[in-house]
Amino acid sequence: MLAARFHSRLGEIEAARWNALLADDNPFLHHAFLSGLETHGCLDAAHGWAPHHLGLYQDAALVAAAPLYLKTNSHGEYVFDWSWAHAYARYGLDYYPKLLCAVPYSPVAGPRLLGGNALRANLIDAIRAECERLGLSSAHANFCTGADATAFADRGEWLARFDWQFHWRNHGWRDFADFLDALKPKKRKNIRQERAQVQRAGVHCEIRQGGEIDAETWRRIHDFYAATFDGKGNYPALTREFFSHLGRAMPERTLAVLASRGSELIAMALLLRSRDTLYGRYWGCREQLPGLHFEVCYYQGIDYCLRHGLRRFEPGAQGEHKLARGFLPAMTRSYHYIADARFRAAIGDALAREATALRAYREELLAHSPYAEAEPA
């Protein structure tokens, strides 16, 4: 017999037991990443996040799990359902709280149902049952991949939604110059000019692993991150303590691109990595220089992937400007259980129209591909 239990903090589950369920080394599902968000002040009910993690147990043994949160808003999700909440409000109904299976503040695709093929359906049914037990409007699973996406689609009443991000793929290029040779001449020239601008400004970039970063540099990295969010009117949810925690707990998976002029740090990008993928996360700078953002956030990451044999570089959500720099549209998927059948039908119709527009958008993007030929298979 399987028993579903819900945990108000990930610390209630032993790290070794949770990590043993992971299908791959995606860093965002690692116990240290998710529990670090909780223990270092990044998640709280005041900002809409209440951990409600699902564990499936056989006797006392954890055999499957899913990262779950009770949400009282839609901040930090990157799958936008504000219009759904407004529709509920127009009819005098509460859309929040809702149940979310995701990684907070991380629009990164990866596993969501942990524990293997045999128990995916059990996890999905437990999520839906908890949604109904609590009387919630909905349950959501964001940025699903592979077998998890198939499992949600197979359950029938979960609405499928997709979108595009811009990802770079390594096709065995020897180095950055070899990658540039695959681009159209104008795109190649523009990238060379952008990199030359940064060099002429006297900026030097280096990449350090988390374990190589001292406390003062972590302070500067966080200051840059917070200033970027403040400048855009957004709340910088991740704390300095969480950043330095990543450096200690995941030292080889955490990376920082540090851009300096002389002895002065002027910009940074914080990244994470798995065995085959680099994930760009946060950026900030002390001053704006031509080409600096592209160098720190994109070109340094591409060069790192080429030197270390990584297959993919996922630099984050949105950003059509990435297309000209070698990043092509890649599909992301989410799934949504809407408890009210009337709203489920209406949202399903809206998603069908959205899907048609998104497919057309991809074709338009690919018409402007930066590659001289179709991107290699």
Protein backbone atom coordinates (compact mmCIF):
# COMPACT_ATOMS: atom_id res chain seq x y z
CA MET A 1 0.00 0.00 0.00
CA LEU A 2 1.21 3.50 -0.88
CA ALA A 3 0.56 6.39 1.48
CA ALA A 4 0.76 10.05 0.43
CA ARG A 5 2.20 12.49 2.95
CA PHE A 6 2.64 16.24 2.55
CA HIS A 7 5.55 18.09 4.11
CA SER A 8 5.63 21.75 5.07
CA ARG A 9 9.40 21.85 4.65
CA LEU A 10 11.81 19.74 2.65
CA GLY A 11 13.98 19.28 5.72
CA GLU A 12 11.43 16.71 6.91
CA ILE A 13 12.74 14.43 4.15
CA GLU A 14 16.32 13.19 4.39
CA ALA A 15 18.51 14.60 1.64
CA ALA A 16 19.90 11.19 0.68
CA ARG A 17 16.40 9.73 0.30
CA TRP A 18 15.19 12.65 -1.83
CA ASN A 19 18.30 12.70 -4.03
CA ALA A 20 18.10 8.94 -4.56
CA LEU A 21 14.84 9.53 -6.45
CA LEU A 22 16.37 11.95 -8.97
CA ALA A 23 16.46 10.68 -12.53
CA ASP A 24 19.41 12.87 -13.50
CA ASP A 25 21.72 15.50 -12.04
CA ASN A 26 19.53 18.53 -12.80
CA PRO A 27 20.76 20.87 -10.03
CA PHE A 28 17.40 22.55 -9.44
CA LEU A 29 15.80 19.36 -8.10
CA HIS A 30 18.69 18.60 -5.77
CA HIS A 31 17.73 18.65 -2.08
CA ALA A 32 20.41 21.26 -1.37
CA PHE A 33 18.91 23.70 -3.88
CA LEU A 34 15.27 23.31 -2.86
CA SER A 35 15.87 23.11 0.89
CA GLY A 36 18.29 26.04 0.65
CA LEU A 37 15.49 28.23 -0.68
CA GLU A 38 13.50 27.43 2.45
CA THR A 39 16.22 27.66 5.08
CA HIS A 40 17.85 30.84 3.73
CA GLY A 41 14.82 33.10 3.60
CA CYS A 42 13.79 32.91 -0.07
CA LEU A 43 10.34 31.38 0.42
CA ASP A 44 7.61 32.51 2.77
CA ALA A 45 3.84 32.83 2.82
CA ALA A 46 4.06 36.63 2.66
CA HIS A 47 5.48 36.34 -0.86
CA GLY A 48 3.11 33.58 -1.91
CA TRP A 49 5.13 30.40 -1.35
CA ALA A 50 4.24 27.73 1.23
CA PRO A 51 6.07 24.39 0.79
CA HIS A 52 3.71 21.44 0.58
CA HIS A 53 5.97 18.71 -0.76
CA LEU A 54 4.50 15.34 -1.67
CA GLY A 55 6.07 12.07 -0.59
CA LEU A 56 4.77 8.64 -1.48
CA TYR A 57 5.70 6.04 1.14
CA GLN A 58 5.64 2.29 1.14
CA ASP A 59 5.74 1.39 4.81
CA ALA A 60 8.34 3.87 6.08
CA ALA A 61 10.31 4.08 2.84
CA LEU A 62 10.09 7.09 0.54
CA VAL A 63 9.51 5.67 -2.95
CA ALA A 64 8.39 8.74 -4.94
CA ALA A 65 8.10 12.51 -4.44
CA ALA A 66 7.27 15.83 -6.06
CA PRO A 67 8.22 19.42 -5.13
CA LEU A 68 4.91 21.12 -4.31
CA TYR A 69 3.91 24.57 -3.09
CA LEU A 70 0.69 26.23 -2.04
CA LYS A 71 0.66 29.55 -3.92
CA THR A 72 -1.31 32.67 -3.01
CA ASN A 73 -0.16 34.55 -6.12
CA SER A 74 1.59 33.73 -9.40
CA HIS A 75 4.93 35.47 -8.76
CA GLY A 76 8.12 33.63 -9.55
CA GLU A 77 6.52 30.97 -11.78
CA TYR A 78 7.15 32.15 -15.39
CA VAL A 79 4.09 30.32 -16.70
CA PHE A 80 1.66 33.19 -16.70
CA ASP A 81 -1.88 32.58 -15.48
CA TRP A 82 -2.82 36.06 -14.28
CA SER A 83 -5.70 36.20 -16.78
CA TRP A 84 -7.11 32.97 -15.34
CA ALA A 85 -7.05 34.49 -11.85
CA HIS A 86 -8.78 37.62 -13.15
CA ALA A 87 -11.49 35.50 -14.79
CA TYR A 88 -12.17 33.76 -11.47
CA ALA A 89 -12.33 37.13 -9.70
CA ARG A 90 -14.88 38.48 -12.21
CA TYR A 91 -17.20 35.66 -11.19
CA GLY A 92 -16.61 36.22 -7.48
CA LEU A 93 -14.48 33.08 -7.10
CA ASP A 94 -11.09 32.53 -5.52
CA TYR A 95 -8.31 31.36 -7.82
CA TYR A 96 -5.78 31.43 -4.97
CA PRO A 97 -4.52 29.46 -3.20
CA LYS A 98 -3.54 26.94 -5.85
CA LEU A 99 -1.18 23.96 -5.85
CA LEU A 100 2.03 24.17 -7.87
CA CYS A 101 4.55 21.48 -8.80
CA ALA A 102 7.64 23.44 -9.83
CA VAL A 103 11.00 24.87 -8.82
CA PRO A 104 10.56 28.35 -7.32
CA TYR A 105 11.91 31.31 -9.28
CA SER A 106 13.42 28.97 -11.90
CA PRO A 107 11.98 28.79 -15.43
CA VAL A 108 14.10 25.70 -16.08
CA ALA A 109 12.68 22.50 -17.53
CA GLY A 110 13.43 19.27 -15.71
CA PRO A 111 12.00 16.35 -13.72
CA ARG A 112 8.94 17.04 -11.58
CA LEU A 113 7.76 13.52 -10.67
CA LEU A 114 10.55 11.78 -8.82
CA GLY A 115 10.78 8.04 -8.40
CA GLY A 116 10.49 6.32 -11.77
CA ASN A 117 7.93 5.34 -14.36
CA ALA A 118 5.83 3.00 -12.23
CA LEU A 119 4.75 5.69 -9.75
CA ARG A 120 4.24 8.76 -11.93
CA ALA A 121 0.50 8.17 -12.22
CA ASN A 122 0.26 7.72 -8.44
CA LEU A 123 1.98 11.05 -7.86
CA ILE A 124 -0.29 12.86 -10.33
CA ASP A 125 -3.41 11.34 -8.76
CA ALA A 126 -2.18 12.33 -5.28
CA ILE A 127 -1.64 15.94 -6.43
CA ARG A 128 -5.15 16.10 -7.85
CA ALA A 129 -6.66 14.47 -4.76
CA GLU A 130 -4.90 17.01 -2.52
CA CYS A 131 -6.19 19.85 -4.69
CA GLU A 132 -9.73 18.55 -4.26
CA ARG A 133 -9.32 17.80 -0.53
CA LEU A 134 -8.22 21.38 0.12
CA GLY A 135 -10.95 22.83 -2.11
CA LEU A 136 -8.43 24.59 -4.38
CA SER A 137 -9.20 26.03 -7.78
CA SER A 138 -6.38 24.26 -9.56
CA ALA A 139 -3.11 22.36 -9.59
CA HIS A 140 -0.23 23.07 -11.97
CA ALA A 141 3.01 21.43 -13.07
CA ASN A 142 5.42 23.83 -14.75
CA PHE A 143 8.37 23.15 -17.08
CA CYS A 144 7.88 19.39 -17.32
CA THR A 145 10.07 17.21 -19.50
CA GLY A 146 10.06 13.77 -21.10
CA ALA A 147 8.18 11.01 -19.33
CA ASP A 148 6.71 13.44 -16.78
CA ALA A 149 5.05 15.44 -19.56
CA THR A 150 3.71 12.25 -21.11
CA ALA A 151 2.34 11.10 -17.75
CA PHE A 152 0.42 14.35 -17.19
CA ALA A 153 -0.94 14.27 -20.74
CA ASP A 154 -2.09 10.67 -20.26
CA ARG A 155 -4.19 11.50 -17.19
CA GLY A 156 -6.74 13.25 -19.44
CA GLU A 157 -8.04 16.21 -17.42
CA TRP A 158 -4.76 18.09 -17.24
CA LEU A 159 -4.64 20.90 -19.82
CA ALA A 160 -1.42 21.08 -21.81
CA ARG A 161 0.30 24.39 -22.41
CA PHE A 162 3.58 25.18 -24.13
CA ASP A 163 5.86 28.12 -24.82
CA TRP A 164 9.29 28.81 -26.31
CA GLN A 165 12.62 29.56 -24.71
CA PHE A 166 15.90 30.20 -26.52
CA HIS A 167 18.51 27.45 -26.08
CA TRP A 168 21.96 26.89 -27.58
CA ARG A 169 23.04 23.42 -28.63
CA ASN A 170 26.62 22.24 -29.04
CA HIS A 171 27.12 20.41 -32.33
CA GLY A 172 30.71 19.43 -31.71
CA TRP A 173 32.34 22.72 -32.63
CA ARG A 174 36.00 22.77 -31.70
CA ASP A 175 35.96 26.24 -30.16
CA PHE A 176 34.20 29.60 -30.28
CA ALA A 177 35.70 30.48 -33.67
CA ASP A 178 34.41 27.20 -35.09
CA PHE A 179 30.93 28.01 -33.73
CA LEU A 180 31.08 31.45 -35.35
CA ASP A 181 31.89 29.87 -38.70
CA ALA A 182 28.47 28.16 -38.60
CA LEU A 183 26.68 31.53 -38.50
CA LYS A 184 25.63 33.83 -41.30
CA PRO A 185 28.36 36.41 -42.08
CA LYS A 186 26.43 39.37 -40.66
CA LYS A 187 25.67 37.59 -37.37
CA ARG A 188 29.28 36.43 -37.11
CA LYS A 189 30.53 39.98 -37.66
CA ASN A 190 28.14 41.45 -35.07
CA ILE A 191 29.27 38.99 -32.40
CA ARG A 192 32.92 39.69 -33.08
CA GLN A 193 32.25 43.42 -32.83
CA GLU A 194 30.39 43.01 -29.53
CA ARG A 195 33.21 40.98 -28.02
CA ALA A 196 35.80 43.46 -29.30
CA GLN A 197 33.94 46.34 -27.64
CA VAL A 198 34.27 44.63 -24.27
CA GLN A 199 37.96 43.95 -24.81
CA ARG A 200 38.63 47.56 -25.82
CA ALA A 201 36.93 48.70 -22.61
CA GLY A 202 39.61 46.79 -20.68
CA VAL A 203 37.19 44.22 -19.26
CA HIS A 204 38.48 40.78 -18.31
CA CYS A 205 36.15 37.82 -17.65
CA GLU A 206 36.78 34.70 -15.64
CA ILE A 207 34.56 31.82 -14.54
CA ARG A 208 34.84 30.52 -10.99
CA GLN A 209 33.18 27.53 -9.38
CA GLY A 210 31.15 28.13 -6.26
CA GLY A 211 33.83 26.72 -3.97
CA GLU A 212 36.35 29.24 -5.33
CA ILE A 213 34.26 32.31 -4.43
CA ASP A 214 34.95 34.10 -1.14
CA ALA A 215 32.41 35.80 1.10
CA GLU A 216 33.12 39.32 -0.17
CA THR A 217 32.67 38.26 -3.79
CA TRP A 218 29.37 36.56 -2.91
CA ARG A 219 28.29 39.85 -1.33
CA ARG A 220 29.11 41.71 -4.55
CA ILE A 221 27.38 39.09 -6.69
CA HIS A 222 24.22 39.41 -4.63
CA ASP A 223 24.37 43.20 -4.71
CA PHE A 224 24.49 43.10 -8.53
CA TYR A 225 21.59 40.64 -8.63
CA ALA A 226 19.46 42.71 -6.25
CA ALA A 227 20.17 45.95 -8.12
CA THR A 228 19.03 44.37 -11.39
CA PHE A 229 15.72 43.28 -9.87
CA ASP A 230 15.23 46.61 -8.09
CA GLY A 231 15.93 48.48 -11.32
CA LYS A 232 13.12 46.60 -13.05
CA GLY A 233 10.70 47.08 -10.18
CA ASN A 234 10.86 43.40 -9.18
CA TYR A 235 11.40 41.83 -5.76
CA PRO A 236 14.85 40.18 -5.38
CA ALA A 237 13.63 37.05 -3.62
CA LEU A 238 16.93 35.17 -3.39
CA THR A 239 19.07 36.10 -0.41
CA ARG A 240 22.82 36.54 -0.10
CA GLU A 241 22.85 33.61 2.30
CA PHE A 242 21.23 31.40 -0.35
CA PHE A 243 23.84 32.36 -2.94
CA SER A 244 26.72 31.53 -0.63
CA HIS A 245 24.89 28.34 0.41
CA LEU A 246 24.95 27.20 -3.23
CA GLY A 247 28.69 27.77 -3.30
CA ARG A 248 29.16 25.58 -0.24
CA ALA A 249 26.55 22.88 -0.87
CA MET A 250 26.91 22.62 -4.66
CA PRO A 251 30.42 23.94 -5.29
CA GLU A 252 31.01 22.25 -8.65
CA ARG A 253 27.50 22.88 -9.96
CA THR A 254 27.49 26.60 -9.16
CA LEU A 255 29.41 28.97 -11.44
CA ALA A 256 29.90 32.70 -11.66
CA VAL A 257 31.11 34.72 -14.62
CA LEU A 258 33.01 37.64 -13.09
CA ALA A 259 33.79 40.64 -15.27
CA SER A 260 36.45 43.03 -13.96
CA ARG A 261 38.19 46.15 -15.16
CA GLY A 262 41.51 46.33 -13.40
CA SER A 263 40.84 45.17 -9.85
CA GLU A 264 37.22 46.34 -9.85
CA LEU A 265 34.38 43.84 -10.34
CA ILE A 266 31.86 45.51 -12.67
CA ALA A 267 29.47 42.71 -13.71
CA MET A 268 28.54 39.11 -13.00
CA ALA A 269 26.35 36.26 -14.18
CA LEU A 270 25.40 33.39 -11.87
CA LEU A 271 24.94 29.97 -13.49
CA LEU A 272 24.37 26.35 -12.55
CA ARG A 273 25.33 23.24 -14.47
CA SER A 274 24.66 19.53 -14.77
CA ARG A 275 26.80 16.97 -16.55
CA ASP A 276 25.63 18.13 -19.98
CA THR A 277 23.77 21.43 -19.57
CA LEU A 278 24.65 24.96 -18.47
CA TYR A 279 21.86 27.07 -16.97
CA GLY A 280 22.12 30.85 -16.98
CA ARG A 281 20.25 32.40 -14.07
CA TYR A 282 21.04 35.92 -12.85
CA TRP A 283 22.99 38.91 -14.05
CA GLY A 284 23.95 42.33 -12.76
CA CYS A 285 26.43 45.13 -13.42
CA ARG A 286 27.79 48.30 -11.84
CA GLU A 287 27.83 50.19 -15.14
CA GLN A 288 26.47 49.65 -18.62
CA LEU A 289 29.08 49.09 -21.31
CA PRO A 290 28.45 48.20 -24.98
CA GLY A 291 28.39 44.45 -25.41
CA LEU A 292 28.94 43.70 -21.71
CA HIS A 293 25.63 41.93 -21.11
CA PHE A 294 26.05 39.70 -24.15
CA GLU A 295 29.63 38.83 -23.23
CA VAL A 296 28.89 37.96 -19.61
CA CYS A 297 25.54 36.24 -20.07
CA TYR A 298 25.95 34.47 -23.43
CA TYR A 299 29.40 34.35 -24.99
CA GLN A 300 31.22 33.31 -21.85
CA GLY A 301 28.66 30.54 -21.34
CA ILE A 302 28.94 29.28 -24.92
CA ASP A 303 32.72 29.26 -24.64
CA TYR A 304 32.48 27.34 -21.34
CA CYS A 305 30.23 24.71 -22.95
CA LEU A 306 32.65 24.29 -25.84
CA ARG A 307 35.66 23.92 -23.55
CA HIS A 308 33.95 21.48 -21.19
CA GLY A 309 31.92 19.47 -23.69
CA LEU A 310 28.45 20.47 -22.45
CA ARG A 311 25.65 19.80 -24.91
CA ARG A 312 23.24 22.63 -24.10
CA PHE A 313 23.13 26.16 -22.75
CA GLU A 314 19.78 27.37 -21.41
CA PRO A 315 20.16 31.05 -20.51
CA GLY A 316 16.72 31.64 -18.99
CA ALA A 317 13.26 32.78 -20.04
CA GLN A 318 12.26 35.14 -22.84
CA GLY A 319 14.60 37.31 -24.89
CA GLU A 320 14.33 37.43 -28.69
CA HIS A 321 17.77 39.09 -28.74
CA LYS A 322 19.22 35.65 -27.98
CA LEU A 323 18.24 34.42 -31.45
CA ALA A 324 20.90 36.48 -33.22
CA ARG A 325 23.51 35.00 -30.88
CA GLY A 326 22.92 31.35 -31.72
CA PHE A 327 20.01 30.44 -29.43
CA LEU A 328 17.03 28.84 -31.16
CA PRO A 329 13.46 28.30 -29.91
CA ALA A 330 12.98 25.21 -27.74
CA MET A 331 9.61 24.09 -26.42
CA THR A 332 8.73 24.15 -22.73
CA ARG A 333 5.63 22.38 -21.38
CA SER A 334 3.31 22.80 -18.45
CA TYR A 335 0.13 21.01 -17.34
CA HIS A 336 -2.87 22.36 -15.49
CA TYR A 337 -5.74 20.73 -13.62
CA ILE A 338 -8.68 23.14 -13.30
CA ALA A 339 -11.18 21.77 -10.79
CA ASP A 340 -14.24 23.61 -12.16
CA ALA A 341 -15.26 21.91 -15.42
CA ARG A 342 -16.67 25.16 -16.86
CA PHE A 343 -13.43 27.07 -16.36
CA ARG A 344 -11.47 24.03 -17.55
CA ALA A 345 -13.33 24.10 -20.88
CA ALA A 346 -12.94 27.87 -21.31
CA ILE A 347 -9.22 27.80 -20.48
CA GLY A 348 -8.75 24.81 -22.79
CA ASP A 349 -10.25 26.79 -25.67
CA ALA A 350 -7.99 29.74 -24.90
CA LEU A 351 -4.92 27.49 -24.81
CA ALA A 352 -5.80 26.03 -28.21
CA ARG A 353 -5.86 29.55 -29.69
CA GLU A 354 -2.62 30.41 -27.90
CA ALA A 355 -0.96 27.28 -29.30
CA THR A 356 -1.81 28.27 -32.87
CA ALA A 357 -0.23 31.68 -32.35
CA LEU A 358 2.86 30.19 -30.70
CA ARG A 359 3.46 27.76 -33.57
CA ALA A 360 3.30 30.66 -36.02
CA TYR A 361 5.69 32.62 -33.81
CA ARG A 362 8.25 29.80 -33.95
CA GLU A 363 8.12 29.73 -37.74
CA GLU A 364 8.70 33.47 -37.82
CA LEU A 365 11.68 33.10 -35.50
CA LEU A 366 13.24 30.32 -37.55
CA ALA A 367 12.92 32.46 -40.66
CA HIS A 368 15.52 34.69 -38.97
CA SER A 369 17.84 31.88 -37.85
CA PRO A 370 21.44 33.09 -37.41
CA TYR A 371 22.86 29.87 -38.85
CA ALA A 372 24.15 29.78 -42.41
CA GLU A 373 22.43 26.42 -42.89
CA ALA A 374 19.73 24.62 -40.96
CA GLU A 375 21.03 23.98 -37.47
CA PRO A 376 22.80 20.59 -37.48
CA ALA A 377 20.75 17.65 -36.23
